[in-house]
Each structure stands twice: as C-alpha cells, then as structure tokens.
C-alpha atoms as a PDB file:
ATOM      1  CA  MET A   1      -0.169  -0.410  -0.155  1.00  0.00           C
ATOM      2  CA  SER A   2       2.710   2.206   0.511  1.00  0.00           C
ATOM      3  CA  ILE A   3       4.523   1.810  -2.586  1.00  0.00           C
ATOM      4  CA  ILE A   4       1.173   3.096  -4.209  1.00  0.00           C
ATOM      5  CA  ILE A   5       1.071   5.979  -1.944  1.00  0.00           C
ATOM      6  CA  GLY A   6       4.860   7.009  -3.027  1.00  0.00           C
ATOM      7  CA  LEU A   7       3.874   6.514  -6.605  1.00  0.00           C
ATOM      8  CA  CYS A   8       1.263   8.535  -6.783  1.00  0.00           C
ATOM      9  CA  LEU A   9       2.728  11.322  -4.613  1.00  0.00           C
ATOM     10  CA  ALA A  10       5.951  10.781  -7.070  1.00  0.00           C
ATOM     11  CA  ALA A  11       3.467  11.232  -9.942  1.00  0.00           C
ATOM     12  CA  SER A  12       1.831  14.633  -8.801  1.00  0.00           C
ATOM     13  CA  ILE A  13       5.166  15.842  -7.871  1.00  0.00           C
ATOM     14  CA  CYS A  14       5.797  15.751 -11.109  1.00  0.00           C
ATOM     15  CA  TYR A  15       2.610  16.841 -13.069  1.00  0.00           C
ATOM     16  CA  LEU A  16       3.013  20.198 -11.096  1.00  0.00           C
ATOM     17  CA  PHE A  17       6.767  20.726 -11.372  1.00  0.00           C
ATOM     18  CA  LEU A  18       8.021  18.992 -14.342  1.00  0.00           C
ATOM     19  CA  ALA A  19       4.696  18.895 -16.718  1.00  0.00           C
ATOM     20  CA  PRO A  20       5.769  18.484 -20.057  1.00  0.00           C
ATOM     21  CA  ASN A  21       5.043  21.073 -22.765  1.00  0.00           C
ATOM     22  CA  LYS A  22       5.013  23.521 -20.934  1.00  0.00           C
ATOM     23  CA  THR A  23       6.203  26.448 -22.119  1.00  0.00           C
ATOM     24  CA  ALA A  24       4.581  29.048 -20.000  1.00  0.00           C
ATOM     25  CA  THR A  25       4.877  29.551 -16.672  1.00  0.00           C
ATOM     26  CA  PRO A  26       3.740  27.124 -14.235  1.00  0.00           C
ATOM     27  CA  ASN A  27       1.781  29.640 -12.469  1.00  0.00           C
ATOM     28  CA  GLU A  28      -0.686  29.896 -15.588  1.00  0.00           C
ATOM     29  CA  GLY A  29      -4.079  28.960 -13.827  1.00  0.00           C
ATOM     30  CA  LEU A  30      -3.104  30.646 -10.750  1.00  0.00           C
ATOM     31  CA  GLY A  31      -2.807  34.356 -12.876  1.00  0.00           C
ATOM     32  CA  ASP A  32      -6.802  33.213 -14.508  1.00  0.00           C
ATOM     33  CA  LEU A  33      -7.670  33.037 -11.295  1.00  0.00           C
ATOM     34  CA  ILE A  34      -6.526  36.310  -9.779  1.00  0.00           C
ATOM     35  CA  LEU A  35      -7.167  37.985 -13.083  1.00  0.00           C
ATOM     36  CA  ASP A  36     -10.786  37.090 -12.348  1.00  0.00           C
ATOM     37  CA  ILE A  37     -10.606  38.141  -8.756  1.00  0.00           C
ATOM     38  CA  LEU A  38      -9.133  41.807  -9.834  1.00  0.00           C
ATOM     39  CA  GLN A  39     -12.958  42.109 -11.896  1.00  0.00           C
ATOM     40  CA  ASP A  40     -14.073  42.874  -8.127  1.00  0.00           C
ATOM     41  CA  GLY A  41     -12.271  45.743  -8.446  1.00  0.00           C
ATOM     42  CA  GLU A  42      -8.183  46.958  -7.151  1.00  0.00           C
ATOM     43  CA  MET A  43      -6.994  45.183  -4.003  1.00  0.00           C
ATOM     44  CA  SER A  44      -3.837  44.785  -2.189  1.00  0.00           C
ATOM     45  CA  GLY A  45      -1.765  41.459  -2.984  1.00  0.00           C
ATOM     46  CA  PHE A  46      -2.587  40.794   0.661  1.00  0.00           C
ATOM     47  CA  GLU A  47      -6.514  40.689  -0.142  1.00  0.00           C
ATOM     48  CA  ILE A  48      -5.438  38.757  -3.287  1.00  0.00           C
ATOM     49  CA  ALA A  49      -3.739  36.135  -1.189  1.00  0.00           C
ATOM     50  CA  LYS A  50      -6.741  36.003   0.857  1.00  0.00           C
ATOM     51  CA  LYS A  51      -9.527  35.412  -1.542  1.00  0.00           C
ATOM     52  CA  LEU A  52      -7.578  32.813  -3.261  1.00  0.00           C
ATOM     53  CA  ARG A  53      -6.798  30.623  -0.107  1.00  0.00           C
ATOM     54  CA  LYS A  54     -10.855  30.816  -0.208  1.00  0.00           C
ATOM     55  CA  ILE A  55     -11.542  29.397  -3.751  1.00  0.00           C
ATOM     56  CA  SER A  56      -8.316  27.714  -4.834  1.00  0.00           C
ATOM     57  CA  PRO A  57      -7.053  24.652  -3.370  1.00  0.00           C
ATOM     58  CA  LEU A  58      -4.029  24.984  -5.898  1.00  0.00           C
ATOM     59  CA  PHE A  59      -3.051  27.744  -4.162  1.00  0.00           C
ATOM     60  CA  LYS A  60      -3.134  27.099  -0.448  1.00  0.00           C
ATOM     61  CA  LYS A  61      -1.053  23.681  -1.738  1.00  0.00           C
ATOM     62  CA  ARG A  62       1.774  26.210  -3.195  1.00  0.00           C
ATOM     63  CA  GLY A  63       1.512  29.221  -1.015  1.00  0.00           C
ATOM     64  CA  GLU A  64       1.850  33.183  -1.371  1.00  0.00           C
ATOM     65  CA  ALA A  65       5.624  31.905  -3.228  1.00  0.00           C
ATOM     66  CA  THR A  66       3.931  31.664  -6.302  1.00  0.00           C
ATOM     67  CA  LEU A  67       1.484  34.724  -5.871  1.00  0.00           C
ATOM     68  CA  TYR A  68       3.828  37.896  -6.008  1.00  0.00           C
ATOM     69  CA  PRO A  69       5.422  36.294  -9.217  1.00  0.00           C
ATOM     70  CA  THR A  70       2.827  35.875 -11.053  1.00  0.00           C
ATOM     71  CA  LEU A  71       1.179  39.294 -10.174  1.00  0.00           C
ATOM     72  CA  TYR A  72       4.002  40.361 -11.156  1.00  0.00           C
ATOM     73  CA  MET A  73       4.639  38.659 -14.540  1.00  0.00           C
ATOM     74  CA  LEU A  74       0.939  39.847 -15.481  1.00  0.00           C
ATOM     75  CA  GLU A  75       2.157  43.281 -14.776  1.00  0.00           C
ATOM     76  CA  GLU A  76       5.102  42.864 -17.689  1.00  0.00           C
ATOM     77  CA  ALA A  77       2.304  41.115 -19.351  1.00  0.00           C
ATOM     78  CA  GLY A  78       0.252  44.258 -19.438  1.00  0.00           C
ATOM     79  CA  SER A  79      -2.719  42.686 -17.963  1.00  0.00           C
ATOM     80  CA  VAL A  80      -2.482  44.463 -14.656  1.00  0.00           C
ATOM     81  CA  GLU A  81      -1.618  47.362 -13.133  1.00  0.00           C
ATOM     82  CA  ALA A  82      -0.224  48.396 -10.081  1.00  0.00           C
ATOM     83  CA  PHE A  83       0.593  51.367  -7.817  1.00  0.00           C
ATOM     84  CA  TRP A  84       1.921  52.253  -3.991  1.00  0.00           C
ATOM     85  CA  LEU A  85      -0.802  53.831  -2.329  1.00  0.00           C
ATOM     86  CA  GLN A  86      -0.090  55.178   1.504  1.00  0.00           C
ATOM     87  CA  VAL A  87      -3.103  54.711   4.007  1.00  0.00           C
ATOM     88  CA  PRO A  88      -2.233  57.131   7.256  1.00  0.00           C
ATOM     89  CA  LYS A  89      -0.780  55.500  10.020  1.00  0.00           C
ATOM     90  CA  GLN A  90      -0.364  52.049   7.862  1.00  0.00           C
ATOM     91  CA  ARG A  91       2.319  50.375   5.845  1.00  0.00           C
ATOM     92  CA  ARG A  92       2.176  51.126   2.313  1.00  0.00           C
ATOM     93  CA  ARG A  93       0.285  49.145   0.317  1.00  0.00           C
ATOM     94  CA  ARG A  94       1.010  47.693  -3.739  1.00  0.00           C
ATOM     95  CA  VAL A  95      -2.455  47.693  -5.005  1.00  0.00           C
ATOM     96  CA  TYR A  96      -3.036  45.921  -8.324  1.00  0.00           C
ATOM     97  CA  ARG A  97      -5.724  46.312 -10.718  1.00  0.00           C
ATOM     98  CA  LEU A  98      -6.753  44.938 -14.704  1.00  0.00           C
ATOM     99  CA  LYS A  99      -5.230  47.920 -16.857  1.00  0.00           C
ATOM    100  CA  SER A 100      -9.050  48.568 -18.211  1.00  0.00           C
ATOM    101  CA  GLN A 101     -10.659  49.779 -14.893  1.00  0.00           C
ATOM    102  CA  PRO A 102     -10.083  53.249 -14.009  1.00  0.00           C
ATOM    103  CA  LEU A 103      -8.187  54.460 -10.777  1.00  0.00           C
ATOM    104  CA  THR A 104      -9.507  55.069  -7.391  1.00  0.00           C
ATOM    105  CA  ILE A 105      -7.461  56.430  -5.075  1.00  0.00           C
ATOM    106  CA  ASP A 106     -10.016  56.614  -2.454  1.00  0.00           C
ATOM    107  CA  LYS A 107      -9.145  53.731   0.121  1.00  0.00           C
ATOM    108  CA  GLU A 108      -9.673  53.458   3.756  1.00  0.00           C
END
C-alpha cells in the first residue's frame, strides 16, 4: 500500500513541477484566477491572497510564494497595473488592478 501512495505522490510532484509541453509559467492557472479576482476591483496582494485561499486548493498547496511572481508576470504582460498606496497610520501597499479599470484613490 505504501508503494502505491509513494508512486501517486511522485506522479503528482512530477505533474506540478515537471509538466511536459509547458512553455509558459507553471502558475498559468493562478494568473487566470488573479485576473478573475481583480474583476471585482483593485486590491492589495494581501487581499488577493485572502480570496485565493478561499477559492483555490492549488493556491493553498503552493502558497504565497507563487503569488507575487505571478502578479509581476501579469504586470509585465500588460494585463495588470500596480501602484503604491499610502494609507495614514499604516504601511504603504502595492495595489493591483486590471489595466482597463479606472483609477480610484479613495481607500480606507
């Protein structure tokens, strides 16, 4: 029984990290999820991660280490814009939005 479990684990690791014919990033599905989440409006990386944890078992498995590289990739591709937002008495935040959305500065 443990051999079968070991083989299944090895196969899933190979699929996640060594998938054949993958010329794009392994976070391709994550990028689609992020774009769907940003349809609701602009939000910080923390807010995006919070929503991803609720809807994606893939994100729970890979963790936040994949979020910011994917956001930077989407920004370089021109799908997402990012800007720094300073909220009084709080740390500044990097806020992301879809490129076609209007800018709203009024955040609390």
